[in-house]
N, C-alpha and C. Protein backbone atom coordinates (compact mmCIF):
# COMPACT_ATOMS: atom_id res chain seq x y z
N MET A 1 85.21 -188.64 -92.07
CA MET A 1 86.55 -188.10 -92.19
C MET A 1 86.76 -187.66 -93.64
N GLU A 2 87.09 -186.43 -93.79
CA GLU A 2 87.33 -185.92 -95.13
C GLU A 2 88.83 -185.91 -95.42
N MET A 3 89.14 -186.20 -96.67
CA MET A 3 90.54 -186.25 -97.07
C MET A 3 90.67 -185.76 -98.51
N VAL A 4 91.67 -185.02 -98.75
CA VAL A 4 91.90 -184.56 -100.13
C VAL A 4 92.88 -185.53 -100.79
N PRO A 5 92.80 -185.69 -102.11
CA PRO A 5 93.66 -186.64 -102.80
C PRO A 5 95.16 -186.39 -102.58
N SER A 6 95.54 -185.15 -102.44
CA SER A 6 96.97 -184.85 -102.26
C SER A 6 97.52 -185.31 -100.91
N ALA A 7 96.61 -185.64 -99.97
CA ALA A 7 97.07 -186.09 -98.67
C ALA A 7 97.87 -187.40 -98.75
N LEU A 8 97.59 -188.22 -99.75
CA LEU A 8 98.34 -189.48 -99.92
C LEU A 8 99.82 -189.23 -100.16
N TYR A 9 100.14 -188.12 -100.77
CA TYR A 9 101.52 -187.85 -101.09
C TYR A 9 102.34 -187.37 -99.89
N ARG A 10 101.68 -187.24 -98.73
CA ARG A 10 102.41 -187.02 -97.50
C ARG A 10 103.13 -188.31 -97.09
N TYR A 11 102.57 -189.46 -97.53
CA TYR A 11 103.12 -190.77 -97.19
C TYR A 11 103.92 -191.40 -98.31
N TYR A 12 103.62 -191.01 -99.53
CA TYR A 12 104.29 -191.57 -100.70
C TYR A 12 104.79 -190.44 -101.59
N ALA A 13 105.99 -190.60 -102.09
CA ALA A 13 106.60 -189.53 -102.89
C ALA A 13 105.90 -189.33 -104.23
N SER A 14 105.37 -190.40 -104.79
CA SER A 14 104.73 -190.27 -106.10
C SER A 14 103.61 -191.28 -106.24
N ARG A 15 102.86 -191.14 -107.29
CA ARG A 15 101.79 -192.09 -107.62
C ARG A 15 102.36 -193.48 -107.80
N ASP A 16 103.50 -193.59 -108.46
CA ASP A 16 104.14 -194.89 -108.68
C ASP A 16 104.53 -195.55 -107.36
N ASP A 17 105.02 -194.76 -106.40
CA ASP A 17 105.37 -195.31 -105.09
C ASP A 17 104.12 -195.83 -104.37
N LEU A 18 103.03 -195.12 -104.48
CA LEU A 18 101.77 -195.54 -103.88
C LEU A 18 101.30 -196.86 -104.49
N ILE A 19 101.29 -196.95 -105.81
CA ILE A 19 100.85 -198.15 -106.50
C ILE A 19 101.76 -199.31 -106.16
N THR A 20 103.07 -199.08 -106.12
CA THR A 20 104.02 -200.14 -105.75
C THR A 20 103.74 -200.65 -104.36
N ALA A 21 103.48 -199.76 -103.42
CA ALA A 21 103.18 -200.17 -102.04
C ALA A 21 101.92 -201.00 -101.98
N LEU A 22 100.91 -200.63 -102.74
CA LEU A 22 99.65 -201.38 -102.79
C LEU A 22 99.87 -202.79 -103.38
N ILE A 23 100.67 -202.87 -104.42
CA ILE A 23 100.94 -204.16 -105.05
C ILE A 23 101.73 -205.06 -104.09
N VAL A 24 102.75 -204.51 -103.45
CA VAL A 24 103.54 -205.29 -102.49
C VAL A 24 102.67 -205.78 -101.36
N ASP A 25 101.80 -204.95 -100.86
CA ASP A 25 100.91 -205.32 -99.77
C ASP A 25 99.98 -206.45 -100.19
N ALA A 26 99.44 -206.35 -101.41
CA ALA A 26 98.54 -207.38 -101.91
C ALA A 26 99.27 -208.71 -102.07
N PHE A 27 100.49 -208.69 -102.59
CA PHE A 27 101.25 -209.94 -102.75
C PHE A 27 101.66 -210.54 -101.41
N ASP A 28 101.95 -209.69 -100.43
CA ASP A 28 102.26 -210.19 -99.10
C ASP A 28 101.06 -210.91 -98.50
N ALA A 29 99.87 -210.34 -98.66
CA ALA A 29 98.66 -210.97 -98.15
C ALA A 29 98.38 -212.29 -98.87
N LEU A 30 98.63 -212.31 -100.18
CA LEU A 30 98.44 -213.54 -100.96
C LEU A 30 99.41 -214.62 -100.51
N ALA A 31 100.64 -214.26 -100.24
CA ALA A 31 101.65 -215.23 -99.78
C ALA A 31 101.26 -215.83 -98.43
N ILE A 32 100.76 -214.98 -97.55
CA ILE A 32 100.33 -215.48 -96.23
C ILE A 32 99.19 -216.49 -96.36
N LYS A 33 98.20 -216.17 -97.18
CA LYS A 33 97.07 -217.08 -97.38
C LYS A 33 97.50 -218.35 -98.10
N SER A 34 98.40 -218.25 -99.06
CA SER A 34 98.89 -219.43 -99.78
C SER A 34 99.65 -220.36 -98.84
N ASN A 35 100.48 -219.80 -97.99
CA ASN A 35 101.22 -220.63 -97.04
C ASN A 35 100.30 -221.31 -96.06
N ALA A 36 99.28 -220.61 -95.59
CA ALA A 36 98.32 -221.22 -94.68
C ALA A 36 97.57 -222.35 -95.35
N LEU A 37 97.17 -222.14 -96.62
CA LEU A 37 96.47 -223.20 -97.38
C LEU A 37 97.38 -224.40 -97.57
N ARG A 38 98.65 -224.17 -97.93
CA ARG A 38 99.58 -225.28 -98.13
C ARG A 38 99.73 -226.08 -96.84
N ASP A 39 99.86 -225.38 -95.68
CA ASP A 39 99.96 -226.07 -94.42
C ASP A 39 98.72 -226.90 -94.10
N ASP A 40 97.53 -226.35 -94.40
CA ASP A 40 96.30 -227.08 -94.19
C ASP A 40 96.24 -228.32 -95.07
N LEU A 41 96.67 -228.20 -96.32
CA LEU A 41 96.66 -229.36 -97.22
C LEU A 41 97.63 -230.44 -96.78
N LYS A 42 98.80 -230.02 -96.27
CA LYS A 42 99.75 -231.00 -95.75
C LYS A 42 99.16 -231.76 -94.56
N ALA A 43 98.51 -231.01 -93.66
CA ALA A 43 97.89 -231.65 -92.49
C ALA A 43 96.78 -232.61 -92.92
N LEU A 44 96.00 -232.21 -93.91
CA LEU A 44 94.93 -233.07 -94.42
C LEU A 44 95.50 -234.33 -95.04
N ALA A 45 96.58 -234.20 -95.80
CA ALA A 45 97.21 -235.36 -96.41
C ALA A 45 97.74 -236.33 -95.35
N THR A 46 98.31 -235.78 -94.29
CA THR A 46 98.82 -236.62 -93.20
C THR A 46 97.66 -237.36 -92.53
N LEU A 47 96.56 -236.66 -92.25
CA LEU A 47 95.40 -237.31 -91.62
C LEU A 47 94.84 -238.40 -92.52
N LEU A 48 94.76 -238.11 -93.79
CA LEU A 48 94.26 -239.10 -94.76
C LEU A 48 95.13 -240.35 -94.80
N GLN A 49 96.43 -240.14 -94.81
CA GLN A 49 97.37 -241.26 -94.84
C GLN A 49 97.25 -242.10 -93.57
N GLU A 50 97.11 -241.44 -92.43
CA GLU A 50 96.94 -242.16 -91.16
C GLU A 50 95.66 -242.97 -91.15
N ARG A 51 94.58 -242.37 -91.64
CA ARG A 51 93.29 -243.07 -91.65
C ARG A 51 93.33 -244.27 -92.58
N ILE A 52 93.97 -244.13 -93.71
CA ILE A 52 94.10 -245.26 -94.65
C ILE A 52 94.88 -246.39 -93.99
N ALA A 53 95.94 -246.06 -93.28
CA ALA A 53 96.73 -247.06 -92.57
C ALA A 53 95.88 -247.76 -91.51
N GLU A 54 95.07 -247.01 -90.77
CA GLU A 54 94.18 -247.61 -89.77
C GLU A 54 93.20 -248.58 -90.41
N LEU A 55 92.58 -248.15 -91.50
CA LEU A 55 91.60 -249.00 -92.18
C LEU A 55 92.26 -250.28 -92.72
N LEU A 56 93.46 -250.13 -93.26
CA LEU A 56 94.16 -251.29 -93.77
C LEU A 56 94.48 -252.26 -92.64
N THR A 57 94.92 -251.75 -91.51
CA THR A 57 95.23 -252.60 -90.36
C THR A 57 93.98 -253.33 -89.89
N GLN A 58 92.86 -252.62 -89.80
CA GLN A 58 91.60 -253.26 -89.42
C GLN A 58 91.18 -254.33 -90.40
N ARG A 59 91.34 -254.03 -91.68
CA ARG A 59 90.93 -255.00 -92.71
C ARG A 59 91.80 -256.24 -92.65
N LEU A 60 93.11 -256.07 -92.47
CA LEU A 60 94.01 -257.22 -92.42
C LEU A 60 93.77 -258.06 -91.17
N SER A 61 93.48 -257.43 -90.06
CA SER A 61 93.27 -258.20 -88.83
C SER A 61 91.93 -258.91 -88.85
N ALA A 62 90.97 -258.43 -89.62
CA ALA A 62 89.66 -259.06 -89.71
C ALA A 62 89.60 -260.21 -90.70
N SER A 63 90.61 -260.30 -91.57
CA SER A 63 90.55 -261.35 -92.59
C SER A 63 91.08 -262.65 -92.06
N SER A 64 90.22 -263.68 -92.08
CA SER A 64 90.63 -264.98 -91.61
C SER A 64 90.31 -266.09 -92.61
N THR A 65 89.42 -265.83 -93.53
CA THR A 65 89.08 -266.86 -94.54
C THR A 65 89.75 -266.51 -95.87
N SER A 66 89.73 -267.43 -96.77
CA SER A 66 90.37 -267.17 -98.08
C SER A 66 89.64 -266.09 -98.84
N VAL A 67 88.31 -266.02 -98.71
CA VAL A 67 87.56 -264.97 -99.39
C VAL A 67 87.96 -263.62 -98.81
N ALA A 68 88.08 -263.60 -97.49
CA ALA A 68 88.49 -262.35 -96.84
C ALA A 68 89.93 -262.02 -97.24
N SER A 69 90.73 -263.08 -97.41
CA SER A 69 92.12 -262.86 -97.80
C SER A 69 92.20 -262.25 -99.22
N GLN A 70 91.37 -262.75 -100.12
CA GLN A 70 91.32 -262.17 -101.47
C GLN A 70 90.88 -260.72 -101.41
N SER A 71 89.85 -260.49 -100.59
CA SER A 71 89.36 -259.12 -100.42
C SER A 71 90.44 -258.25 -99.81
N SER A 72 91.20 -258.85 -98.89
CA SER A 72 92.27 -258.12 -98.23
C SER A 72 93.36 -257.75 -99.23
N ARG A 73 93.70 -258.70 -100.11
CA ARG A 73 94.70 -258.39 -101.14
C ARG A 73 94.24 -257.26 -102.05
N ARG A 74 92.96 -257.29 -102.38
CA ARG A 74 92.41 -256.21 -103.18
C ARG A 74 92.46 -254.89 -102.38
N GLY A 75 92.20 -254.98 -101.08
CA GLY A 75 92.29 -253.81 -100.22
C GLY A 75 93.70 -253.27 -100.13
N ILE A 76 94.68 -254.17 -100.12
CA ILE A 76 96.10 -253.75 -100.08
C ILE A 76 96.44 -253.00 -101.35
N ALA A 77 95.97 -253.51 -102.49
CA ALA A 77 96.23 -252.82 -103.75
C ALA A 77 95.59 -251.44 -103.76
N GLU A 78 94.34 -251.37 -103.26
CA GLU A 78 93.65 -250.08 -103.18
C GLU A 78 94.40 -249.13 -102.24
N HIS A 79 94.85 -249.69 -101.12
CA HIS A 79 95.60 -248.88 -100.16
C HIS A 79 96.90 -248.37 -100.77
N SER A 80 97.60 -249.21 -101.51
CA SER A 80 98.85 -248.81 -102.14
C SER A 80 98.62 -247.64 -103.10
N LEU A 81 97.53 -247.74 -103.86
CA LEU A 81 97.20 -246.65 -104.79
C LEU A 81 96.87 -245.37 -104.04
N ALA A 82 96.12 -245.50 -102.95
CA ALA A 82 95.75 -244.32 -102.18
C ALA A 82 96.97 -243.68 -101.53
N VAL A 83 97.86 -244.51 -100.95
CA VAL A 83 99.06 -243.98 -100.33
C VAL A 83 99.95 -243.32 -101.37
N SER A 84 100.03 -243.92 -102.54
CA SER A 84 100.82 -243.34 -103.60
C SER A 84 100.26 -241.97 -104.01
N ALA A 85 98.95 -241.87 -104.10
CA ALA A 85 98.31 -240.60 -104.45
C ALA A 85 98.54 -239.56 -103.40
N VAL A 86 98.42 -239.95 -102.13
CA VAL A 86 98.66 -239.00 -101.05
C VAL A 86 100.10 -238.57 -101.01
N SER A 87 101.02 -239.52 -101.20
CA SER A 87 102.44 -239.18 -101.21
C SER A 87 102.77 -238.23 -102.36
N SER A 88 102.18 -238.46 -103.51
CA SER A 88 102.40 -237.58 -104.65
C SER A 88 101.85 -236.18 -104.36
N ALA A 89 100.70 -236.12 -103.72
CA ALA A 89 100.11 -234.82 -103.36
C ALA A 89 100.99 -234.09 -102.37
N ARG A 90 101.54 -234.83 -101.39
CA ARG A 90 102.41 -234.19 -100.38
C ARG A 90 103.69 -233.71 -101.00
N ALA A 91 104.25 -234.44 -101.97
CA ALA A 91 105.46 -234.02 -102.63
C ALA A 91 105.22 -232.76 -103.44
N TRP A 92 104.03 -232.68 -104.03
CA TRP A 92 103.67 -231.50 -104.82
C TRP A 92 103.55 -230.27 -103.95
N LEU A 93 103.05 -230.46 -102.71
CA LEU A 93 102.89 -229.34 -101.79
C LEU A 93 104.22 -228.93 -101.29
């Protein structure tokens, strides 16, 4: 398909209008991809938080001795830090 450069001006009044349309189109595409990425990160944060809760529940139910209890307390502290990190990440998103 052959096209002459002046054919673009059938659709746009000037070079500036053409460039503006290209810029707007590029930013629209960027916004769509950014929103999709943000949604994916939120879903990932939710899954991570759920998995951490599952692991904590398993660890707490498995602890029956004092050594396991100490390990469990350490696990609770680790879980609290992880949940805090995930919550901070979700707030940022």
